[in-house]
Amino acid sequence: MTKYRLPQFICQYSKINAMYCNKDLLLQLGRNVKAERIRKGYTQETFAEHLGVTREYVSRIERGQENMSILKILNIANKLETDINDILRF
């Protein structure tokens, strides 16, 4: 039986690298959420109250430390009154 090795992708910023690693995606998602939050004039605390979560949770999202479901991302976009494409812009 032949064993096949799957290619391993290295997380790097590269013009030709079409693959994203999880960390890069979460960091960019967090940056997008933070940019929209600031654009709307919310502090982390007021936005957290608006979402019904803690300020620490919002901070973890913005630092790319929370892997959220698409429904949670949609909820964030709705609370920010922005298009989900602005949140999912990579």
Foldseek 3Di string as FASTA:
>chain_A
DDDDDDDDDDADDDPPDPDHDLQVQQQLLLCLLVVLCVVLPHDLCRLCVLLVHHSVVNVCSNRSNDDDDPVSLVSSCVSSVHDSCSSNPD
